[in-house]
Amino acid sequence: MVTGGGTLRAKNLTVETKGNSSAAIRSDRGGGTETINGGTYTASGVGSPAIYSTADVSVENAVLNSTVSEGAVIEGLNSISLNNTIINNSNTKLNGNSETYKNIFIYQSMSGDAEEGTGTFSAKNSTLNESHGDNFFVTNTAAKITLENNKFENTSDDFVFLKAASGKWGNAGSNGGNVTLLATNQNLKGDFVIDEVSALSLSLDQGSYLLGAINQANAANKTEVSLDDDSIWVLTADSYLDSLTDSVATTKNIYGNGYDLFVDGSAVETNAETPPAMDESDDGADLDVVATETPAETTPTPTPAPNAGNDGSAEILWWILGGVAGGILDGGGQHIGDFLGVVLIDVDGYQAVFTTGDDDGIGIGGPLHFVGSVIAGHGAD
């Protein structure tokens, strides 16, 4: 994990966490940057998503698994970017803070762990599997979601593609979700549920296809949709918009499918013909294309840190690779985020580099070497 503006780079690791509040890939207060390439990252504890981001996290060519929490969480002004990555979320247990089942969760907790602002989620050529909940939930924050050529597999009995609504965080009346979603060559299946304190701006571009209803309850604070001439929207229930921009003047690329579309209170004529079928043959991740790299023959030596040789080195390793939430303290009560140093983890020849940005506290003086999978047994919270 990173904190205090740190940087982490990891390649082809196998990470497993089993404790509460122990995301497999995570950050803490102060954020930073995490870059993950390859590997498998599994979280199986309550409140432990595969990714918990209060930083800028990018993942490619990897498999992410979560069994008792969300697949990925963004808090506040932070981001997650996926490329050619698979998320498998099979959560069937709500913890004390979760109100709904969902795969991707974007919110602001007001705890001070993350700066307020727009949470950013992007995914390209990835596969997002959900077996017991919605694909997206946004609450008490603004969110920008960018999707391109992903595959969404949802086997839930009852789900929506995206829900933006008030929840337990923030002040009632102003704690909804304000979502901008940009879809490029993207298939979307499921409804968009937007409540009275939330808003949606949806763009369908370059052959995108939406099979679903938007604002069926006619309750949203604001809803906007735009389509280019290569994209299609097929209604699955009556839908209500404040504004519609369609490159096809006759709206022939919007298929009523037996339902009505209303824009600013007025019914809009839609295509009454049978819509074309959605083509998902080329969607999603293809991990077979990931190149196999030869492990480095030598291990670079990290820059020594102040107070090198501190006995807290094993705890820091547990923190980094265990994804523990909360804090681990050294003997003097110093939070782990408050040190300047570099830790190099060598796992089967692949390296993960961890740095932090502050200049006091504990540090590590040399490389750490471990062989095999990295497994953490419990978290701190």
Protein backbone atom coordinates (compact mmCIF):
# COMPACT_ATOMS: atom_id res chain seq x y z
CA MET A 1 0.00 0.00 0.00
CA VAL A 2 0.95 3.68 -0.16
CA THR A 3 0.33 6.62 2.13
CA GLY A 4 1.59 10.15 2.54
CA GLY A 5 2.22 10.62 -1.18
CA GLY A 6 4.19 7.41 -1.63
CA THR A 7 4.77 5.31 -4.73
CA LEU A 8 4.38 1.55 -5.20
CA ARG A 9 5.16 -0.51 -8.28
CA ALA A 10 4.38 -4.23 -8.32
CA LYS A 11 4.69 -6.90 -10.99
CA ASN A 12 3.26 -10.44 -11.14
CA LEU A 13 2.60 -10.83 -7.41
CA THR A 14 0.19 -13.27 -5.78
CA VAL A 15 -1.40 -11.44 -2.85
CA GLU A 16 -4.07 -12.78 -0.51
CA THR A 17 -5.64 -11.10 2.52
CA LYS A 18 -8.10 -12.69 4.91
CA GLY A 19 -8.71 -10.12 7.65
CA ASN A 20 -11.26 -7.37 8.09
CA SER A 21 -10.51 -4.04 6.36
CA SER A 22 -7.63 -5.64 4.45
CA ALA A 23 -7.84 -4.79 0.78
CA ALA A 24 -5.38 -6.65 -1.41
CA ILE A 25 -4.37 -3.38 -3.10
CA ARG A 26 -4.88 -0.27 -1.01
CA SER A 27 -3.74 3.16 0.08
CA ASP A 28 -4.28 5.31 3.14
CA ARG A 29 -4.40 8.95 4.18
CA GLY A 30 -2.24 11.19 2.04
CA GLY A 31 -2.55 9.03 -1.04
CA GLY A 32 0.15 8.46 -3.61
CA THR A 33 0.54 6.32 -6.72
CA GLU A 34 0.27 2.55 -7.16
CA THR A 35 1.07 0.80 -10.43
CA ILE A 36 0.28 -2.92 -10.66
CA ASN A 37 1.19 -5.09 -13.67
CA GLY A 38 0.22 -8.75 -13.69
CA GLY A 39 -0.53 -11.11 -10.85
CA THR A 40 -3.51 -12.20 -8.77
CA TYR A 41 -4.85 -10.17 -5.84
CA THR A 42 -7.50 -11.72 -3.58
CA ALA A 43 -9.30 -10.27 -0.55
CA SER A 44 -11.61 -12.50 1.48
CA GLY A 45 -12.29 -10.50 4.64
CA VAL A 46 -15.25 -8.35 5.66
CA GLY A 47 -14.81 -4.80 4.39
CA SER A 48 -11.91 -5.91 2.20
CA PRO A 49 -12.32 -5.08 -1.50
CA ALA A 50 -9.71 -6.12 -4.01
CA ILE A 51 -8.79 -2.42 -4.36
CA TYR A 52 -9.39 0.42 -1.89
CA SER A 53 -8.16 3.68 -3.37
CA THR A 54 -7.38 6.93 -1.62
CA ALA A 55 -4.64 7.42 -4.23
CA ASP A 56 -4.12 6.99 -7.96
CA VAL A 57 -4.17 3.25 -8.63
CA SER A 58 -3.60 1.66 -12.04
CA VAL A 59 -3.82 -2.08 -12.70
CA GLU A 60 -3.21 -3.98 -15.91
CA ASN A 61 -2.99 -7.62 -16.96
CA ALA A 62 -4.14 -8.78 -13.52
CA VAL A 63 -6.90 -10.78 -11.82
CA LEU A 64 -8.66 -9.21 -8.83
CA ASN A 65 -10.91 -11.26 -6.52
CA SER A 66 -13.18 -10.13 -3.68
CA THR A 67 -15.47 -12.48 -1.77
CA VAL A 68 -16.86 -10.48 1.20
CA SER A 69 -16.80 -6.88 -0.01
CA GLU A 70 -16.89 -4.72 -3.13
CA GLY A 71 -14.62 -5.42 -6.05
CA ALA A 72 -13.10 -1.92 -6.01
CA VAL A 73 -13.67 1.24 -3.94
CA ILE A 74 -12.67 4.85 -4.61
CA GLU A 75 -12.93 7.40 -1.81
CA GLY A 76 -12.93 11.10 -2.62
CA LEU A 77 -10.60 12.83 -5.09
CA ASN A 78 -8.79 9.65 -6.18
CA SER A 79 -8.78 7.15 -9.01
CA ILE A 80 -8.66 3.58 -10.25
CA SER A 81 -7.65 2.69 -13.81
CA LEU A 82 -7.98 -0.86 -15.19
CA ASN A 83 -6.59 -2.21 -18.44
CA ASN A 84 -6.92 -5.83 -19.58
CA THR A 85 -7.86 -6.83 -16.04
CA ILE A 86 -10.48 -9.14 -14.56
CA ILE A 87 -12.49 -8.33 -11.40
CA ASN A 88 -14.42 -11.19 -9.82
CA ASN A 89 -16.79 -10.08 -7.04
CA SER A 90 -18.92 -12.68 -5.24
CA ASN A 91 -19.81 -10.84 -2.04
CA THR A 92 -22.90 -12.12 -0.21
CA LYS A 93 -22.30 -10.44 3.17
CA LEU A 94 -22.83 -6.79 4.10
CA ASN A 95 -20.58 -5.32 6.78
CA GLY A 96 -21.53 -2.55 9.19
CA ASN A 97 -20.85 0.25 6.69
CA SER A 98 -22.25 -1.30 3.51
CA GLU A 99 -25.89 -0.72 2.69
CA THR A 100 -26.04 -2.36 -0.73
CA TYR A 101 -24.22 -5.00 -2.77
CA LYS A 102 -22.12 -3.56 -5.61
CA ASN A 103 -18.96 -4.21 -7.57
CA ILE A 104 -17.55 -0.69 -8.04
CA PHE A 105 -18.19 1.80 -5.21
CA ILE A 106 -17.35 5.53 -5.45
CA TYR A 107 -18.05 7.66 -2.38
CA GLN A 108 -16.82 10.22 0.18
CA SER A 109 -16.85 9.07 3.81
CA MET A 110 -16.01 12.48 5.34
CA SER A 111 -13.51 10.73 7.63
CA GLY A 112 -10.60 12.85 6.47
CA ASP A 113 -8.85 9.92 4.78
CA ALA A 114 -9.43 11.38 1.31
CA GLU A 115 -9.69 14.89 -0.08
CA GLU A 116 -13.14 15.81 -1.32
CA GLY A 117 -13.59 15.92 -5.07
CA THR A 118 -14.40 13.85 -8.13
CA GLY A 119 -13.61 10.14 -7.95
CA THR A 120 -12.38 8.79 -11.28
CA PHE A 121 -12.83 5.24 -12.52
CA SER A 122 -11.70 4.05 -15.94
CA ALA A 123 -11.64 0.58 -17.47
CA LYS A 124 -10.54 -0.57 -20.90
CA ASN A 125 -10.55 -4.08 -22.37
CA SER A 126 -11.40 -5.49 -18.96
CA THR A 127 -13.94 -7.96 -17.55
CA LEU A 128 -16.00 -7.08 -14.49
CA ASN A 129 -17.89 -10.02 -12.99
CA GLU A 130 -20.55 -9.52 -10.32
CA SER A 131 -22.70 -12.28 -8.87
CA HIS A 132 -24.69 -10.52 -6.14
CA GLY A 133 -25.28 -6.81 -6.67
CA ASP A 134 -25.13 -3.72 -8.86
CA ASN A 135 -22.24 -2.85 -11.17
CA PHE A 136 -21.74 0.72 -9.85
CA PHE A 137 -22.90 2.71 -6.83
CA VAL A 138 -22.02 6.40 -6.37
CA THR A 139 -22.96 8.38 -3.25
CA ASN A 140 -21.95 11.63 -1.54
CA THR A 141 -19.50 12.59 -4.28
CA ALA A 142 -19.02 13.42 -7.92
CA ALA A 143 -17.71 10.65 -10.17
CA LYS A 144 -16.29 10.43 -13.66
CA ILE A 145 -16.50 6.95 -15.19
CA THR A 146 -14.84 6.14 -18.51
CA LEU A 147 -15.49 2.75 -20.12
CA GLU A 148 -14.16 1.26 -23.36
CA ASN A 149 -14.68 -2.25 -24.71
CA ASN A 150 -15.24 -3.92 -21.35
CA LYS A 151 -17.38 -6.93 -20.58
CA PHE A 152 -19.82 -6.73 -17.67
CA GLU A 153 -21.07 -10.11 -16.51
CA ASN A 154 -23.72 -9.84 -13.81
CA THR A 155 -25.51 -12.99 -12.68
CA SER A 156 -27.50 -11.33 -9.89
CA ASP A 157 -31.23 -11.98 -9.83
CA ASP A 158 -31.95 -8.26 -9.56
CA PHE A 159 -29.37 -5.58 -10.37
CA VAL A 160 -28.90 -2.18 -11.97
CA PHE A 161 -25.96 -1.06 -14.04
CA LEU A 162 -25.49 2.13 -12.06
CA LYS A 163 -27.12 3.66 -9.01
CA ALA A 164 -26.47 7.24 -7.91
CA ALA A 165 -28.24 8.04 -4.68
CA SER A 166 -27.98 9.33 -1.12
CA GLY A 167 -26.66 6.95 1.51
CA LYS A 168 -25.36 6.98 5.07
CA TRP A 169 -22.52 9.41 4.34
CA GLY A 170 -22.75 13.21 4.15
CA ASN A 171 -25.62 15.59 4.83
CA ALA A 172 -29.14 14.61 3.88
CA GLY A 173 -30.35 16.54 0.84
CA SER A 174 -26.88 17.05 -0.63
CA ASN A 175 -25.28 13.61 -0.41
CA GLY A 176 -26.25 12.07 -3.71
CA GLY A 177 -24.05 11.03 -6.60
CA ASN A 178 -23.20 13.32 -9.52
CA VAL A 179 -22.07 11.00 -12.31
CA THR A 180 -20.51 11.64 -15.70
CA LEU A 181 -20.17 8.41 -17.68
CA LEU A 182 -18.37 8.25 -21.03
CA ALA A 183 -18.88 5.01 -22.97
CA THR A 184 -16.77 4.29 -26.06
CA ASN A 185 -17.39 1.10 -28.05
CA GLN A 186 -19.02 -0.16 -24.87
CA ASN A 187 -21.96 -2.49 -24.22
CA LEU A 188 -24.05 -1.60 -21.17
CA LYS A 189 -26.77 -3.86 -19.78
CA GLY A 190 -28.96 -2.74 -16.90
CA ASP A 191 -30.89 0.27 -15.64
CA PHE A 192 -29.59 3.61 -14.36
CA VAL A 193 -31.28 4.52 -11.06
CA ILE A 194 -30.84 8.19 -10.11
CA ASP A 195 -32.53 9.68 -7.03
CA GLU A 196 -33.75 13.21 -6.30
CA VAL A 197 -30.37 14.50 -5.06
CA SER A 198 -28.32 12.87 -7.81
CA ALA A 199 -27.53 13.53 -11.48
CA LEU A 200 -26.36 11.62 -14.54
CA SER A 201 -24.66 12.75 -17.74
CA LEU A 202 -24.24 9.77 -20.08
CA SER A 203 -22.44 9.78 -23.44
CA LEU A 204 -22.66 6.80 -25.81
CA ASP A 205 -20.00 6.96 -28.52
CA GLN A 206 -18.33 4.90 -31.26
CA GLY A 207 -20.70 1.97 -31.41
CA SER A 208 -21.80 1.82 -27.78
CA TYR A 209 -25.00 -0.04 -26.96
CA LEU A 210 -27.23 0.53 -23.92
CA LEU A 211 -29.89 -2.04 -23.07
CA GLY A 212 -31.69 -0.52 -20.11
CA ALA A 213 -33.86 2.25 -18.69
CA ILE A 214 -32.75 5.60 -17.28
CA ASN A 215 -34.56 7.31 -14.41
CA GLN A 216 -37.59 5.05 -14.66
CA ALA A 217 -39.04 6.51 -11.44
CA ASN A 218 -38.77 10.06 -12.87
CA ALA A 219 -37.13 11.11 -9.61
CA ALA A 220 -33.67 12.29 -10.63
CA ASN A 221 -32.41 15.78 -9.99
CA LYS A 222 -30.99 15.85 -13.53
CA THR A 223 -30.42 13.38 -16.37
CA GLU A 224 -28.68 14.04 -19.70
CA VAL A 225 -27.93 11.59 -22.51
CA SER A 226 -26.02 12.02 -25.76
CA LEU A 227 -25.54 9.47 -28.58
CA ASP A 228 -23.46 9.57 -31.71
CA ASP A 229 -24.78 8.07 -34.94
CA ASP A 230 -22.99 4.74 -34.39
CA SER A 231 -24.50 4.08 -30.95
CA ILE A 232 -27.78 2.50 -29.88
CA TRP A 233 -30.11 2.73 -26.89
CA VAL A 234 -32.78 0.06 -26.38
CA LEU A 235 -35.30 0.87 -23.65
CA THR A 236 -36.34 -1.77 -21.13
CA ALA A 237 -38.80 0.50 -19.29
CA ASP A 238 -40.16 4.04 -19.58
CA SER A 239 -37.32 6.55 -19.21
CA TYR A 240 -37.20 10.24 -18.26
CA LEU A 241 -34.51 12.74 -19.28
CA ASP A 242 -33.98 16.45 -18.87
CA SER A 243 -32.06 16.65 -22.13
CA LEU A 244 -31.19 14.45 -25.10
CA THR A 245 -28.57 15.06 -27.77
CA ASP A 246 -28.66 12.62 -30.67
CA SER A 247 -26.51 12.82 -33.77
CA VAL A 248 -29.35 11.05 -35.59
CA ALA A 249 -32.00 13.74 -35.98
CA THR A 250 -34.82 11.21 -36.24
CA THR A 251 -33.71 9.34 -33.07
CA LYS A 252 -33.83 6.11 -35.10
CA ASN A 253 -30.95 4.77 -33.01
CA ILE A 254 -33.18 4.81 -29.92
CA TYR A 255 -35.47 1.78 -29.87
CA GLY A 256 -38.63 2.09 -27.77
CA ASN A 257 -39.00 -1.67 -27.46
CA GLY A 258 -42.58 -1.14 -26.29
CA TYR A 259 -41.73 1.67 -23.83
CA ASP A 260 -41.82 5.46 -23.87
CA LEU A 261 -39.04 8.04 -23.68
CA PHE A 262 -39.78 11.46 -22.19
CA VAL A 263 -37.45 14.45 -22.54
CA ASP A 264 -38.19 17.57 -20.48
CA GLY A 265 -41.71 16.28 -19.92
CA SER A 266 -42.56 15.52 -23.54
CA ALA A 267 -42.70 12.15 -25.28
CA VAL A 268 -40.07 11.61 -27.96
CA GLU A 269 -40.62 9.42 -30.98
CA THR A 270 -38.38 6.35 -30.98
CA ASN A 271 -37.70 3.53 -33.41
CA ALA A 272 -40.54 0.99 -33.27
CA GLU A 273 -38.64 -1.67 -35.18
CA THR A 274 -36.99 -4.70 -33.60
CA PRO A 275 -33.57 -3.60 -32.33
CA PRO A 276 -30.39 -5.30 -33.51
CA ALA A 277 -28.77 -7.77 -31.14
CA MET A 278 -25.92 -6.69 -28.89
CA ASP A 279 -22.57 -8.10 -30.03
CA GLU A 280 -20.29 -8.94 -27.08
CA SER A 281 -17.93 -11.27 -28.92
CA ASP A 282 -14.87 -9.02 -28.62
CA ASP A 283 -15.57 -7.47 -25.21
CA GLY A 284 -13.45 -7.75 -22.12
CA ALA A 285 -9.99 -8.82 -21.00
CA ASP A 286 -7.70 -11.25 -22.78
CA LEU A 287 -4.99 -12.26 -20.33
CA ASP A 288 -3.56 -14.69 -22.89
CA VAL A 289 -1.98 -11.72 -24.65
CA VAL A 290 0.10 -10.78 -21.61
CA ALA A 291 3.77 -11.31 -22.40
CA THR A 292 5.81 -13.58 -20.15
CA GLU A 293 8.80 -11.68 -18.90
CA THR A 294 12.07 -13.16 -17.65
CA PRO A 295 12.75 -12.26 -14.00
CA ALA A 296 15.64 -9.91 -13.45
CA GLU A 297 18.90 -11.65 -12.63
CA THR A 298 19.99 -9.02 -10.15
CA THR A 299 18.17 -7.14 -7.44
CA PRO A 300 18.71 -3.38 -7.31
CA THR A 301 19.57 -1.94 -3.92
CA PRO A 302 17.10 0.64 -2.63
CA THR A 303 18.21 4.01 -1.38
CA PRO A 304 18.95 3.79 2.35
CA ALA A 305 16.49 5.63 4.55
CA PRO A 306 17.05 7.68 7.67
CA ASN A 307 17.11 5.52 10.80
CA ALA A 308 18.05 2.52 8.67
CA GLY A 309 17.83 -0.88 10.27
CA ASN A 310 14.72 -0.22 12.38
CA ASP A 311 13.17 -3.41 13.72
CA GLY A 312 9.79 -2.49 12.21
CA SER A 313 10.73 -3.85 8.77
CA ALA A 314 8.62 -7.01 9.03
CA GLU A 315 5.60 -4.98 10.05
CA ILE A 316 6.05 -2.71 7.07
CA LEU A 317 6.14 -5.67 4.73
CA TRP A 318 2.91 -6.96 6.30
CA TRP A 319 1.37 -3.53 5.81
CA ILE A 320 2.40 -3.17 2.18
CA LEU A 321 1.39 -6.58 0.95
CA GLY A 322 -1.41 -7.33 3.37
CA GLY A 323 -3.43 -4.28 2.42
CA VAL A 324 -4.18 -3.49 6.06
CA ALA A 325 -6.41 -0.52 6.85
CA GLY A 326 -5.81 1.72 9.83
CA GLY A 327 -2.22 2.08 10.97
CA ILE A 328 0.79 0.21 12.22
CA LEU A 329 2.99 2.06 14.69
CA ASP A 330 6.65 1.75 15.52
CA GLY A 331 7.91 1.61 19.07
CA GLY A 332 7.61 5.35 19.46
CA GLY A 333 4.03 5.50 18.27
CA GLN A 334 4.89 6.91 14.84
CA HIS A 335 2.38 6.20 12.03
CA ILE A 336 3.91 4.13 9.24
CA GLY A 337 3.15 6.83 6.68
CA ASP A 338 5.59 9.27 8.28
CA PHE A 339 8.95 8.09 7.02
CA LEU A 340 11.20 8.57 4.06
CA GLY A 341 12.45 5.34 2.56
CA VAL A 342 12.27 2.66 -0.09
CA VAL A 343 11.35 -0.97 0.42
CA LEU A 344 12.06 -3.39 -2.40
CA ILE A 345 10.14 -6.66 -2.22
CA ASP A 346 11.57 -9.43 -4.42
CA VAL A 347 9.07 -12.24 -5.01
CA ASP A 348 10.19 -14.96 -7.37
CA GLY A 349 12.38 -12.46 -9.15
CA TYR A 350 9.73 -9.75 -9.55
CA GLN A 351 10.02 -6.51 -7.66
CA ALA A 352 7.58 -4.24 -5.87
CA VAL A 353 8.97 -0.86 -4.84
CA PHE A 354 7.37 1.15 -2.01
CA THR A 355 8.25 4.71 -1.10
CA THR A 356 6.75 7.38 1.12
CA GLY A 357 7.01 11.11 1.00
CA ASP A 358 7.62 12.42 4.54
CA ASP A 359 10.94 12.86 6.28
CA ASP A 360 10.56 11.62 9.82
CA GLY A 361 9.93 8.36 11.60
CA ILE A 362 11.08 4.86 10.70
CA GLY A 363 12.94 3.50 7.72
CA ILE A 364 14.48 0.45 6.07
CA GLY A 365 18.11 0.10 5.12
CA GLY A 366 18.28 -2.79 2.66
CA PRO A 367 16.38 -5.10 0.30
CA LEU A 368 13.98 -7.75 1.57
CA HIS A 369 13.80 -11.12 -0.21
CA PHE A 370 10.88 -13.56 -0.16
CA VAL A 371 10.13 -16.59 -2.31
CA GLY A 372 6.64 -17.77 -3.26
CA SER A 373 3.24 -16.19 -2.78
CA VAL A 374 2.70 -13.26 -0.45
CA ILE A 375 -0.08 -14.03 2.02
CA ALA A 376 -1.31 -11.92 4.89
CA GLY A 377 -3.50 -13.53 7.53
CA HIS A 378 -5.26 -10.63 9.20
CA GLY A 379 -5.80 -6.89 9.26
CA ALA A 380 -5.48 -4.21 11.88
CA ASP A 381 -9.09 -3.05 12.12
